[in-house]
Amino acid sequence: MSGSQKRQRGRAVMVALTDDEHAKVQADAEALGLSLSGYGRTLFLGAVTPGTQTRAPRDAVELARLSGQLGKVGANLNQLTKLGNQGQLVPPSVLAACLAEVRGTIAEIAEAINHDY
């Protein structure tokens, strides 16, 4: 699709909604990473249309953040494993702190996955 949206999409459809209906539609659109207009076109036409801008859903943003946290924990575990393999003593308090970080991140991931937006 070339040209601006204004030139390509010159027709508007008005839909009257209650506050509750609007809130639900807004939340559904955000969950899919679409604007209200993009979400409406998707519902009307059965597919995301060319030129519809998408963004990462809130869940994806949160899971990306948590994935980064897991990467950091993994790097710490790798360093501790390397020390252990070299015969160096790894203090139990350091291992316990790393394990607590792993458990905390797993709990955050479970909450993000099961959270109702």
PDB file of N, CA and C in Angstrom:
ATOM      1  N   MET A   1       0.857  -1.168   0.000  1.00  0.00           N
ATOM      2  CA  MET A   1       0.000   0.000   0.000  1.00  0.00           C
ATOM      3  C   MET A   1       0.902   1.230   0.000  1.00  0.00           C
ATOM      4  N   SER A   2       0.731   2.052  -1.013  1.00  0.00           N
ATOM      5  CA  SER A   2       1.516   3.280  -1.039  1.00  0.00           C
ATOM      6  C   SER A   2       0.604   4.450  -0.732  1.00  0.00           C
ATOM      7  N   GLY A   3       1.178   5.573  -0.374  1.00  0.00           N
ATOM      8  CA  GLY A   3       0.394   6.746  -0.025  1.00  0.00           C
ATOM      9  C   GLY A   3       0.038   6.733   1.445  1.00  0.00           C
ATOM     10  N   SER A   4      -0.398   7.882   1.908  1.00  0.00           N
ATOM     11  CA  SER A   4      -0.733   7.970   3.331  1.00  0.00           C
ATOM     12  C   SER A   4      -2.044   7.254   3.615  1.00  0.00           C
ATOM     13  N   GLN A   5      -2.240   6.919   4.882  1.00  0.00           N
ATOM     14  CA  GLN A   5      -3.477   6.255   5.278  1.00  0.00           C
ATOM     15  C   GLN A   5      -4.671   7.139   4.947  1.00  0.00           C
ATOM     16  N   LYS A   6      -4.510   8.455   5.104  1.00  0.00           N
ATOM     17  CA  LYS A   6      -5.609   9.387   4.842  1.00  0.00           C
ATOM     18  C   LYS A   6      -6.061   9.271   3.382  1.00  0.00           C
ATOM     19  N   ARG A   7      -5.095   9.137   2.457  1.00  0.00           N
ATOM     20  CA  ARG A   7      -5.461   9.016   1.035  1.00  0.00           C
ATOM     21  C   ARG A   7      -6.028   7.644   0.724  1.00  0.00           C
ATOM     22  N   GLN A   8      -5.497   6.603   1.339  1.00  0.00           N
ATOM     23  CA  GLN A   8      -5.919   5.241   1.051  1.00  0.00           C
ATOM     24  C   GLN A   8      -7.214   4.862   1.761  1.00  0.00           C
ATOM     25  N   ARG A   9      -7.381   5.372   2.954  1.00  0.00           N
ATOM     26  CA  ARG A   9      -8.548   5.004   3.757  1.00  0.00           C
ATOM     27  C   ARG A   9      -9.369   6.260   4.031  1.00  0.00           C
ATOM     28  N   GLY A  10     -10.177   6.634   3.088  1.00  0.00           N
ATOM     29  CA  GLY A  10     -10.939   7.866   3.192  1.00  0.00           C
ATOM     30  C   GLY A  10     -12.319   7.697   3.794  1.00  0.00           C
ATOM     31  N   ARG A  11     -12.703   6.471   4.124  1.00  0.00           N
ATOM     32  CA  ARG A  11     -14.037   6.223   4.663  1.00  0.00           C
ATOM     33  C   ARG A  11     -13.917   5.798   6.120  1.00  0.00           C
ATOM     34  N   ALA A  12     -14.783   6.341   6.976  1.00  0.00           N
ATOM     35  CA  ALA A  12     -14.770   6.001   8.403  1.00  0.00           C
ATOM     36  C   ALA A  12     -16.101   5.358   8.774  1.00  0.00           C
ATOM     37  N   VAL A  13     -16.044   4.431   9.709  1.00  0.00           N
ATOM     38  CA  VAL A  13     -17.241   3.782  10.243  1.00  0.00           C
ATOM     39  C   VAL A  13     -17.318   4.141  11.716  1.00  0.00           C
ATOM     40  N   MET A  14     -18.414   4.726  12.122  1.00  0.00           N
ATOM     41  CA  MET A  14     -18.606   5.090  13.530  1.00  0.00           C
ATOM     42  C   MET A  14     -19.357   3.960  14.228  1.00  0.00           C
ATOM     43  N   VAL A  15     -18.911   3.603  15.405  1.00  0.00           N
ATOM     44  CA  VAL A  15     -19.554   2.573  16.200  1.00  0.00           C
ATOM     45  C   VAL A  15     -19.787   3.137  17.593  1.00  0.00           C
ATOM     46  N   ALA A  16     -21.025   3.120  18.056  1.00  0.00           N
ATOM     47  CA  ALA A  16     -21.339   3.615  19.398  1.00  0.00           C
ATOM     48  C   ALA A  16     -21.127   2.488  20.411  1.00  0.00           C
ATOM     49  N   LEU A  17     -20.394   2.783  21.483  1.00  0.00           N
ATOM     50  CA  LEU A  17     -20.094   1.798  22.516  1.00  0.00           C
ATOM     51  C   LEU A  17     -20.356   2.393  23.896  1.00  0.00           C
ATOM     52  N   THR A  18     -20.677   1.530  24.848  1.00  0.00           N
ATOM     53  CA  THR A  18     -20.731   1.963  26.239  1.00  0.00           C
ATOM     54  C   THR A  18     -19.301   2.085  26.744  1.00  0.00           C
ATOM     55  N   ASP A  19     -19.122   2.666  27.913  1.00  0.00           N
ATOM     56  CA  ASP A  19     -17.781   2.760  28.497  1.00  0.00           C
ATOM     57  C   ASP A  19     -17.178   1.379  28.696  1.00  0.00           C
ATOM     58  N   ASP A  20     -17.982   0.424  29.177  1.00  0.00           N
ATOM     59  CA  ASP A  20     -17.483  -0.937  29.399  1.00  0.00           C
ATOM     60  C   ASP A  20     -17.106  -1.618  28.088  1.00  0.00           C
ATOM     61  N   GLU A  21     -17.932  -1.441  27.070  1.00  0.00           N
ATOM     62  CA  GLU A  21     -17.627  -2.040  25.768  1.00  0.00           C
ATOM     63  C   GLU A  21     -16.344  -1.438  25.190  1.00  0.00           C
ATOM     64  N   HIS A  22     -16.205  -0.118  25.304  1.00  0.00           N
ATOM     65  CA  HIS A  22     -15.006   0.551  24.799  1.00  0.00           C
ATOM     66  C   HIS A  22     -13.762   0.044  25.515  1.00  0.00           C
ATOM     67  N   ALA A  23     -13.856  -0.109  26.842  1.00  0.00           N
ATOM     68  CA  ALA A  23     -12.716  -0.605  27.619  1.00  0.00           C
ATOM     69  C   ALA A  23     -12.324  -2.011  27.163  1.00  0.00           C
ATOM     70  N   LYS A  24     -13.311  -2.867  26.912  1.00  0.00           N
ATOM     71  CA  LYS A  24     -13.021  -4.235  26.470  1.00  0.00           C
ATOM     72  C   LYS A  24     -12.378  -4.235  25.080  1.00  0.00           C
ATOM     73  N   VAL A  25     -12.942  -3.436  24.170  1.00  0.00           N
ATOM     74  CA  VAL A  25     -12.383  -3.365  22.813  1.00  0.00           C
ATOM     75  C   VAL A  25     -10.955  -2.828  22.853  1.00  0.00           C
ATOM     76  N   GLN A  26     -10.730  -1.789  23.664  1.00  0.00           N
ATOM     77  CA  GLN A  26      -9.386  -1.218  23.793  1.00  0.00           C
ATOM     78  C   GLN A  26      -8.406  -2.263  24.324  1.00  0.00           C
ATOM     79  N   ALA A  27      -8.818  -2.995  25.357  1.00  0.00           N
ATOM     80  CA  ALA A  27      -7.948  -4.024  25.941  1.00  0.00           C
ATOM     81  C   ALA A  27      -7.667  -5.139  24.935  1.00  0.00           C
ATOM     82  N   ASP A  28      -8.691  -5.557  24.189  1.00  0.00           N
ATOM     83  CA  ASP A  28      -8.502  -6.605  23.177  1.00  0.00           C
ATOM     84  C   ASP A  28      -7.540  -6.142  22.086  1.00  0.00           C
ATOM     85  N   ALA A  29      -7.687  -4.879  21.654  1.00  0.00           N
ATOM     86  CA  ALA A  29      -6.791  -4.337  20.624  1.00  0.00           C
ATOM     87  C   ALA A  29      -5.355  -4.294  21.138  1.00  0.00           C
ATOM     88  N   GLU A  30      -5.172  -3.813  22.374  1.00  0.00           N
ATOM     89  CA  GLU A  30      -3.826  -3.737  22.955  1.00  0.00           C
ATOM     90  C   GLU A  30      -3.214  -5.122  23.101  1.00  0.00           C
ATOM     91  N   ALA A  31      -4.026  -6.108  23.492  1.00  0.00           N
ATOM     92  CA  ALA A  31      -3.513  -7.471  23.658  1.00  0.00           C
ATOM     93  C   ALA A  31      -2.978  -8.024  22.341  1.00  0.00           C
ATOM     94  N   LEU A  32      -3.544  -7.572  21.234  1.00  0.00           N
ATOM     95  CA  LEU A  32      -3.081  -8.014  19.917  1.00  0.00           C
ATOM     96  C   LEU A  32      -2.023  -7.088  19.328  1.00  0.00           C
ATOM     97  N   GLY A  33      -1.747  -5.987  20.033  1.00  0.00           N
ATOM     98  CA  GLY A  33      -0.748  -5.048  19.535  1.00  0.00           C
ATOM     99  C   GLY A  33      -1.264  -4.183  18.394  1.00  0.00           C
ATOM    100  N   LEU A  34      -2.587  -3.919  18.375  1.00  0.00           N
ATOM    101  CA  LEU A  34      -3.188  -3.130  17.306  1.00  0.00           C
ATOM    102  C   LEU A  34      -3.817  -1.858  17.849  1.00  0.00           C
ATOM    103  N   SER A  35      -3.913  -0.852  16.992  1.00  0.00           N
ATOM    104  CA  SER A  35      -4.682   0.339  17.334  1.00  0.00           C
ATOM    105  C   SER A  35      -6.160  -0.033  17.266  1.00  0.00           C
ATOM    106  N   LEU A  36      -7.020   0.856  17.753  1.00  0.00           N
ATOM    107  CA  LEU A  36      -8.465   0.594  17.649  1.00  0.00           C
ATOM    108  C   LEU A  36      -8.888   0.467  16.184  1.00  0.00           C
ATOM    109  N   SER A  37      -8.372   1.352  15.330  1.00  0.00           N
ATOM    110  CA  SER A  37      -8.726   1.290  13.906  1.00  0.00           C
ATOM    111  C   SER A  37      -8.252  -0.022  13.278  1.00  0.00           C
ATOM    112  N   GLY A  38      -7.008  -0.390  13.571  1.00  0.00           N
ATOM    113  CA  GLY A  38      -6.470  -1.640  13.033  1.00  0.00           C
ATOM    114  C   GLY A  38      -7.242  -2.849  13.527  1.00  0.00           C
ATOM    115  N   TYR A  39      -7.626  -2.810  14.795  1.00  0.00           N
ATOM    116  CA  TYR A  39      -8.403  -3.909  15.369  1.00  0.00           C
ATOM    117  C   TYR A  39      -9.777  -3.987  14.705  1.00  0.00           C
ATOM    118  N   GLY A  40     -10.418  -2.840  14.520  1.00  0.00           N
ATOM    119  CA  GLY A  40     -11.723  -2.819  13.859  1.00  0.00           C
ATOM    120  C   GLY A  40     -11.651  -3.356  12.445  1.00  0.00           C
ATOM    121  N   ARG A  41     -10.647  -2.910  11.671  1.00  0.00           N
ATOM    122  CA  ARG A  41     -10.493  -3.422  10.310  1.00  0.00           C
ATOM    123  C   ARG A  41     -10.267  -4.927  10.316  1.00  0.00           C
ATOM    124  N   THR A  42      -9.474  -5.404  11.279  1.00  0.00           N
ATOM    125  CA  THR A  42      -9.206  -6.840  11.368  1.00  0.00           C
ATOM    126  C   THR A  42     -10.505  -7.611  11.615  1.00  0.00           C
ATOM    127  N   LEU A  43     -11.341  -7.100  12.518  1.00  0.00           N
ATOM    128  CA  LEU A  43     -12.620  -7.763  12.787  1.00  0.00           C
ATOM    129  C   LEU A  43     -13.552  -7.691  11.576  1.00  0.00           C
ATOM    130  N   PHE A  44     -13.631  -6.511  10.946  1.00  0.00           N
ATOM    131  CA  PHE A  44     -14.531  -6.347   9.804  1.00  0.00           C
ATOM    132  C   PHE A  44     -14.101  -7.185   8.604  1.00  0.00           C
ATOM    133  N   LEU A  45     -12.799  -7.219   8.336  1.00  0.00           N
ATOM    134  CA  LEU A  45     -12.288  -7.833   7.115  1.00  0.00           C
ATOM    135  C   LEU A  45     -11.717  -9.234   7.310  1.00  0.00           C
ATOM    136  N   GLY A  46     -11.555  -9.668   8.548  1.00  0.00           N
ATOM    137  CA  GLY A  46     -11.108 -11.037   8.812  1.00  0.00           C
ATOM    138  C   GLY A  46      -9.608 -11.250   8.825  1.00  0.00           C
ATOM    139  N   ALA A  47      -8.820 -10.194   8.640  1.00  0.00           N
ATOM    140  CA  ALA A  47      -7.363 -10.328   8.664  1.00  0.00           C
ATOM    141  C   ALA A  47      -6.751  -8.949   8.898  1.00  0.00           C
ATOM    142  N   VAL A  48      -5.526  -8.936   9.405  1.00  0.00           N
ATOM    143  CA  VAL A  48      -4.802  -7.679   9.552  1.00  0.00           C
ATOM    144  C   VAL A  48      -4.527  -7.164   8.150  1.00  0.00           C
ATOM    145  N   THR A  49      -4.890  -5.926   7.896  1.00  0.00           N
ATOM    146  CA  THR A  49      -4.779  -5.365   6.556  1.00  0.00           C
ATOM    147  C   THR A  49      -3.398  -4.758   6.313  1.00  0.00           C
ATOM    148  N   PRO A  50      -2.985  -4.684   5.049  1.00  0.00           N
ATOM    149  CA  PRO A  50      -1.699  -4.058   4.744  1.00  0.00           C
ATOM    150  C   PRO A  50      -1.683  -2.618   5.255  1.00  0.00           C
ATOM    151  N   GLY A  51      -0.563  -2.220   5.794  1.00  0.00           N
ATOM    152  CA  GLY A  51      -0.411  -0.865   6.302  1.00  0.00           C
ATOM    153  C   GLY A  51      -0.841  -0.692   7.747  1.00  0.00           C
ATOM    154  N   THR A  52      -1.442  -1.722   8.330  1.00  0.00           N
ATOM    155  CA  THR A  52      -1.826  -1.638   9.735  1.00  0.00           C
ATOM    156  C   THR A  52      -0.577  -1.751  10.583  1.00  0.00           C
ATOM    157  N   GLN A  53      -0.359  -0.751  11.411  1.00  0.00           N
ATOM    158  CA  GLN A  53       0.821  -0.764  12.269  1.00  0.00           C
ATOM    159  C   GLN A  53       0.542  -1.623  13.488  1.00  0.00           C
ATOM    160  N   THR A  54       1.492  -2.474  13.802  1.00  0.00           N
ATOM    161  CA  THR A  54       1.375  -3.321  14.985  1.00  0.00           C
ATOM    162  C   THR A  54       2.490  -2.975  15.953  1.00  0.00           C
ATOM    163  N   ARG A  55       2.255  -3.264  17.187  1.00  0.00           N
ATOM    164  CA  ARG A  55       3.287  -3.093  18.215  1.00  0.00           C
ATOM    165  C   ARG A  55       3.245  -4.342  19.077  1.00  0.00           C
ATOM    166  N   ALA A  56       4.285  -4.552  19.808  1.00  0.00           N
ATOM    167  CA  ALA A  56       4.346  -5.735  20.662  1.00  0.00           C
ATOM    168  C   ALA A  56       3.262  -5.640  21.729  1.00  0.00           C
ATOM    169  N   PRO A  57       2.473  -6.707  21.899  1.00  0.00           N
ATOM    170  CA  PRO A  57       1.494  -6.709  22.972  1.00  0.00           C
ATOM    171  C   PRO A  57       2.179  -6.546  24.326  1.00  0.00           C
ATOM    172  N   ARG A  58       1.435  -6.058  25.322  1.00  0.00           N
ATOM    173  CA  ARG A  58       2.016  -5.843  26.646  1.00  0.00           C
ATOM    174  C   ARG A  58       2.656  -7.118  27.179  1.00  0.00           C
ATOM    175  N   ASP A  59       2.028  -8.260  26.934  1.00  0.00           N
ATOM    176  CA  ASP A  59       2.591  -9.529  27.408  1.00  0.00           C
ATOM    177  C   ASP A  59       3.974  -9.751  26.813  1.00  0.00           C
ATOM    178  N   ALA A  60       4.119  -9.471  25.530  1.00  0.00           N
ATOM    179  CA  ALA A  60       5.396  -9.709  24.855  1.00  0.00           C
ATOM    180  C   ALA A  60       6.487  -8.808  25.417  1.00  0.00           C
ATOM    181  N   VAL A  61       6.141  -7.570  25.717  1.00  0.00           N
ATOM    182  CA  VAL A  61       7.117  -6.644  26.284  1.00  0.00           C
ATOM    183  C   VAL A  61       7.577  -7.145  27.650  1.00  0.00           C
ATOM    184  N   GLU A  62       6.632  -7.560  28.481  1.00  0.00           N
ATOM    185  CA  GLU A  62       6.969  -8.072  29.811  1.00  0.00           C
ATOM    186  C   GLU A  62       7.791  -9.357  29.708  1.00  0.00           C
ATOM    187  N   LEU A  63       7.402 -10.259  28.820  1.00  0.00           N
ATOM    188  CA  LEU A  63       8.151 -11.507  28.668  1.00  0.00           C
ATOM    189  C   LEU A  63       9.549 -11.260  28.101  1.00  0.00           C
ATOM    190  N   ALA A  64       9.709 -10.255  27.256  1.00  0.00           N
ATOM    191  CA  ALA A  64      11.046  -9.909  26.754  1.00  0.00           C
ATOM    192  C   ALA A  64      11.924  -9.409  27.891  1.00  0.00           C
ATOM    193  N   ARG A  65      11.336  -8.604  28.793  1.00  0.00           N
ATOM    194  CA  ARG A  65      12.093  -8.113  29.955  1.00  0.00           C
ATOM    195  C   ARG A  65      12.522  -9.284  30.828  1.00  0.00           C
ATOM    196  N   LEU A  66      11.593 -10.198  31.068  1.00  0.00           N
ATOM    197  CA  LEU A  66      11.903 -11.357  31.911  1.00  0.00           C
ATOM    198  C   LEU A  66      12.919 -12.275  31.237  1.00  0.00           C
ATOM    199  N   SER A  67      12.850 -12.382  29.925  1.00  0.00           N
ATOM    200  CA  SER A  67      13.831 -13.186  29.193  1.00  0.00           C
ATOM    201  C   SER A  67      15.233 -12.606  29.374  1.00  0.00           C
ATOM    202  N   GLY A  68      15.327 -11.280  29.372  1.00  0.00           N
ATOM    203  CA  GLY A  68      16.613 -10.624  29.623  1.00  0.00           C
ATOM    204  C   GLY A  68      17.130 -10.927  31.013  1.00  0.00           C
ATOM    205  N   GLN A  69      16.211 -10.930  31.986  1.00  0.00           N
ATOM    206  CA  GLN A  69      16.605 -11.276  33.354  1.00  0.00           C
ATOM    207  C   GLN A  69      17.141 -12.701  33.413  1.00  0.00           C
ATOM    208  N   LEU A  70      16.470 -13.623  32.726  1.00  0.00           N
ATOM    209  CA  LEU A  70      16.937 -15.014  32.715  1.00  0.00           C
ATOM    210  C   LEU A  70      18.319 -15.122  32.074  1.00  0.00           C
ATOM    211  N   GLY A  71      18.564 -14.320  31.057  1.00  0.00           N
ATOM    212  CA  GLY A  71      19.882 -14.326  30.422  1.00  0.00           C
ATOM    213  C   GLY A  71      20.976 -13.917  31.393  1.00  0.00           C
ATOM    214  N   LYS A  72      20.681 -12.913  32.219  1.00  0.00           N
ATOM    215  CA  LYS A  72      21.658 -12.473  33.220  1.00  0.00           C
ATOM    216  C   LYS A  72      21.896 -13.554  34.259  1.00  0.00           C
ATOM    217  N   VAL A  73      20.828 -14.195  34.705  1.00  0.00           N
ATOM    218  CA  VAL A  73      20.962 -15.276  35.684  1.00  0.00           C
ATOM    219  C   VAL A  73      21.763 -16.419  35.079  1.00  0.00           C
ATOM    220  N   GLY A  74      21.486 -16.717  33.806  1.00  0.00           N
ATOM    221  CA  GLY A  74      22.222 -17.782  33.125  1.00  0.00           C
ATOM    222  C   GLY A  74      23.713 -17.484  33.050  1.00  0.00           C
ATOM    223  N   ALA A  75      24.050 -16.226  32.813  1.00  0.00           N
ATOM    224  CA  ALA A  75      25.472 -15.842  32.774  1.00  0.00           C
ATOM    225  C   ALA A  75      26.117 -16.035  34.143  1.00  0.00           C
ATOM    226  N   ASN A  76      25.380 -15.663  35.200  1.00  0.00           N
ATOM    227  CA  ASN A  76      25.902 -15.874  36.559  1.00  0.00           C
ATOM    228  C   ASN A  76      26.112 -17.353  36.847  1.00  0.00           C
ATOM    229  N   LEU A  77      25.137 -18.178  36.461  1.00  0.00           N
ATOM    230  CA  LEU A  77      25.267 -19.627  36.676  1.00  0.00           C
ATOM    231  C   LEU A  77      26.454 -20.184  35.894  1.00  0.00           C
ATOM    232  N   ASN A  78      26.651 -19.690  34.689  1.00  0.00           N
ATOM    233  CA  ASN A  78      27.778 -20.143  33.870  1.00  0.00           C
ATOM    234  C   ASN A  78      29.104 -19.819  34.553  1.00  0.00           C
ATOM    235  N   GLN A  79      29.209 -18.612  35.114  1.00  0.00           N
ATOM    236  CA  GLN A  79      30.437 -18.218  35.812  1.00  0.00           C
ATOM    237  C   GLN A  79      30.661 -19.089  37.051  1.00  0.00           C
ATOM    238  N   LEU A  80      29.599 -19.367  37.791  1.00  0.00           N
ATOM    239  CA  LEU A  80      29.728 -20.214  38.983  1.00  0.00           C
ATOM    240  C   LEU A  80      30.125 -21.641  38.607  1.00  0.00           C
ATOM    241  N   THR A  81      29.560 -22.143  37.520  1.00  0.00           N
ATOM    242  CA  THR A  81      29.909 -23.485  37.050  1.00  0.00           C
ATOM    243  C   THR A  81      31.369 -23.539  36.631  1.00  0.00           C
ATOM    244  N   LYS A  82      31.823 -22.503  35.943  1.00  0.00           N
ATOM    245  CA  LYS A  82      33.225 -22.450  35.514  1.00  0.00           C
ATOM    246  C   LYS A  82      34.154 -22.478  36.728  1.00  0.00           C
ATOM    247  N   LEU A  83      33.828 -21.684  37.758  1.00  0.00           N
ATOM    248  CA  LEU A  83      34.645 -21.688  38.979  1.00  0.00           C
ATOM    249  C   LEU A  83      34.664 -23.072  39.619  1.00  0.00           C
ATOM    250  N   GLY A  84      33.487 -23.703  39.699  1.00  0.00           N
ATOM    251  CA  GLY A  84      33.412 -25.045  40.286  1.00  0.00           C
ATOM    252  C   GLY A  84      34.227 -26.051  39.500  1.00  0.00           C
ATOM    253  N   ASN A  85      34.178 -25.966  38.172  1.00  0.00           N
ATOM    254  CA  ASN A  85      34.936 -26.884  37.328  1.00  0.00           C
ATOM    255  C   ASN A  85      36.441 -26.662  37.430  1.00  0.00           C
ATOM    256  N   GLN A  86      36.843 -25.465  37.833  1.00  0.00           N
ATOM    257  CA  GLN A  86      38.260 -25.160  38.027  1.00  0.00           C
ATOM    258  C   GLN A  86      38.724 -25.544  39.430  1.00  0.00           C
ATOM    259  N   GLY A  87      37.818 -26.120  40.209  1.00  0.00           N
ATOM    260  CA  GLY A  87      38.183 -26.556  41.550  1.00  0.00           C
ATOM    261  C   GLY A  87      38.072 -25.480  42.614  1.00  0.00           C
ATOM    262  N   GLN A  88      37.549 -24.332  42.254  1.00  0.00           N
ATOM    263  CA  GLN A  88      37.397 -23.264  43.239  1.00  0.00           C
ATOM    264  C   GLN A  88      36.093 -23.455  44.009  1.00  0.00           C
ATOM    265  N   LEU A  89      36.146 -23.140  45.281  1.00  0.00           N
ATOM    266  CA  LEU A  89      34.971 -23.251  46.122  1.00  0.00           C
ATOM    267  C   LEU A  89      34.034 -22.080  45.853  1.00  0.00           C
ATOM    268  N   VAL A  90      32.794 -22.405  45.603  1.00  0.00           N
ATOM    269  CA  VAL A  90      31.771 -21.371  45.416  1.00  0.00           C
ATOM    270  C   VAL A  90      30.989 -21.305  46.724  1.00  0.00           C
ATOM    271  N   PRO A  91      31.006 -20.175  47.397  1.00  0.00           N
ATOM    272  CA  PRO A  91      30.333 -20.071  48.696  1.00  0.00           C
ATOM    273  C   PRO A  91      28.845 -20.407  48.586  1.00  0.00           C
ATOM    274  N   PRO A  92      28.314 -21.176  49.522  1.00  0.00           N
ATOM    275  CA  PRO A  92      26.894 -21.539  49.503  1.00  0.00           C
ATOM    276  C   PRO A  92      25.967 -20.314  49.462  1.00  0.00           C
ATOM    277  N   SER A  93      26.380 -19.218  50.080  1.00  0.00           N
ATOM    278  CA  SER A  93      25.532 -18.022  50.064  1.00  0.00           C
ATOM    279  C   SER A  93      25.383 -17.467  48.641  1.00  0.00           C
ATOM    280  N   VAL A  94      26.430 -17.574  47.835  1.00  0.00           N
ATOM    281  CA  VAL A  94      26.376 -17.107  46.448  1.00  0.00           C
ATOM    282  C   VAL A  94      25.447 -18.016  45.643  1.00  0.00           C
ATOM    283  N   LEU A  95      25.570 -19.333  45.857  1.00  0.00           N
ATOM    284  CA  LEU A  95      24.682 -20.274  45.177  1.00  0.00           C
ATOM    285  C   LEU A  95      23.224 -20.048  45.588  1.00  0.00           C
ATOM    286  N   ALA A  96      22.994 -19.818  46.863  1.00  0.00           N
ATOM    287  CA  ALA A  96      21.636 -19.588  47.360  1.00  0.00           C
ATOM    288  C   ALA A  96      21.049 -18.313  46.756  1.00  0.00           C
ATOM    289  N   ALA A  97      21.846 -17.265  46.639  1.00  0.00           N
ATOM    290  CA  ALA A  97      21.372 -16.010  46.056  1.00  0.00           C
ATOM    291  C   ALA A  97      21.012 -16.200  44.587  1.00  0.00           C
ATOM    292  N   CYS A  98      21.827 -16.955  43.871  1.00  0.00           N
ATOM    293  CA  CYS A  98      21.563 -17.215  42.453  1.00  0.00           C
ATOM    294  C   CYS A  98      20.289 -18.046  42.300  1.00  0.00           C
ATOM    295  N   LEU A  99      20.128 -19.056  43.138  1.00  0.00           N
ATOM    296  CA  LEU A  99      18.923 -19.882  43.104  1.00  0.00           C
ATOM    297  C   LEU A  99      17.685 -19.057  43.424  1.00  0.00           C
ATOM    298  N   ALA A 100      17.787 -18.148  44.389  1.00  0.00           N
ATOM    299  CA  ALA A 100      16.664 -17.279  44.736  1.00  0.00           C
ATOM    300  C   ALA A 100      16.296 -16.385  43.554  1.00  0.00           C
ATOM    301  N   GLU A 101      17.297 -15.916  42.827  1.00  0.00           N
ATOM    302  CA  GLU A 101      17.036 -15.079  41.648  1.00  0.00           C
ATOM    303  C   GLU A 101      16.326 -15.878  40.558  1.00  0.00           C
ATOM    304  N   VAL A 102      16.751 -17.124  40.361  1.00  0.00           N
ATOM    305  CA  VAL A 102      16.097 -17.999  39.379  1.00  0.00           C
ATOM    306  C   VAL A 102      14.642 -18.216  39.774  1.00  0.00           C
ATOM    307  N   ARG A 103      14.405 -18.558  41.038  1.00  0.00           N
ATOM    308  CA  ARG A 103      13.032 -18.811  41.500  1.00  0.00           C
ATOM    309  C   ARG A 103      12.167 -17.558  41.377  1.00  0.00           C
ATOM    310  N   GLY A 104      12.731 -16.393  41.694  1.00  0.00           N
ATOM    311  CA  GLY A 104      11.984 -15.143  41.581  1.00  0.00           C
ATOM    312  C   GLY A 104      11.593 -14.836  40.146  1.00  0.00           C
ATOM    313  N   THR A 105      12.517 -15.053  39.221  1.00  0.00           N
ATOM    314  CA  THR A 105      12.235 -14.805  37.808  1.00  0.00           C
ATOM    315  C   THR A 105      11.196 -15.787  37.290  1.00  0.00           C
ATOM    316  N   ILE A 106      11.279 -17.044  37.696  1.00  0.00           N
ATOM    317  CA  ILE A 106      10.287 -18.040  37.287  1.00  0.00           C
ATOM    318  C   ILE A 106       8.903 -17.643  37.799  1.00  0.00           C
ATOM    319  N   ALA A 107       8.828 -17.152  39.021  1.00  0.00           N
ATOM    320  CA  ALA A 107       7.545 -16.707  39.580  1.00  0.00           C
ATOM    321  C   ALA A 107       6.993 -15.517  38.788  1.00  0.00           C
ATOM    322  N   GLU A 108       7.860 -14.581  38.392  1.00  0.00           N
ATOM    323  CA  GLU A 108       7.416 -13.430  37.595  1.00  0.00           C
ATOM    324  C   GLU A 108       6.908 -13.876  36.226  1.00  0.00           C
ATOM    325  N   ILE A 109       7.583 -14.838  35.621  1.00  0.00           N
ATOM    326  CA  ILE A 109       7.145 -15.351  34.319  1.00  0.00           C
ATOM    327  C   ILE A 109       5.786 -16.017  34.453  1.00  0.00           C
ATOM    328  N   ALA A 110       5.611 -16.838  35.484  1.00  0.00           N
ATOM    329  CA  ALA A 110       4.324 -17.501  35.707  1.00  0.00           C
ATOM    330  C   ALA A 110       3.218 -16.474  35.898  1.00  0.00           C
ATOM    331  N   GLU A 111       3.507 -15.414  36.631  1.00  0.00           N
ATOM    332  CA  GLU A 111       2.509 -14.359  36.856  1.00  0.00           C
ATOM    333  C   GLU A 111       2.183 -13.639  35.552  1.00  0.00           C
ATOM    334  N   ALA A 112       3.207 -13.345  34.737  1.00  0.00           N
ATOM    335  CA  ALA A 112       2.974 -12.657  33.468  1.00  0.00           C
ATOM    336  C   ALA A 112       2.151 -13.509  32.511  1.00  0.00           C
ATOM    337  N   ILE A 113       2.406 -14.793  32.504  1.00  0.00           N
ATOM    338  CA  ILE A 113       1.672 -15.698  31.604  1.00  0.00           C
ATOM    339  C   ILE A 113       0.228 -15.850  32.039  1.00  0.00           C
ATOM    340  N   ASN A 114      -0.005 -15.913  33.334  1.00  0.00           N
ATOM    341  CA  ASN A 114      -1.352 -16.158  33.843  1.00  0.00           C
ATOM    342  C   ASN A 114      -2.132 -14.896  34.143  1.00  0.00           C
ATOM    343  N   HIS A 115      -1.517 -13.725  33.965  1.00  0.00           N
ATOM    344  CA  HIS A 115      -2.170 -12.462  34.301  1.00  0.00           C
ATOM    345  C   HIS A 115      -3.266 -12.142  33.293  1.00  0.00           C
ATOM    346  N   ASP A 116      -4.441 -11.795  33.755  1.00  0.00           N
ATOM    347  CA  ASP A 116      -5.531 -11.374  32.874  1.00  0.00           C
ATOM    348  C   ASP A 116      -5.470  -9.871  32.700  1.00  0.00           C
ATOM    349  N   TYR A 117      -5.254  -9.414  31.465  1.00  0.00           N
ATOM    350  CA  TYR A 117      -5.177  -7.979  31.201  1.00  0.00           C
ATOM    351  C   TYR A 117      -6.543  -7.440  30.898  1.00  0.00           C
TER     352      TYR A 117
END
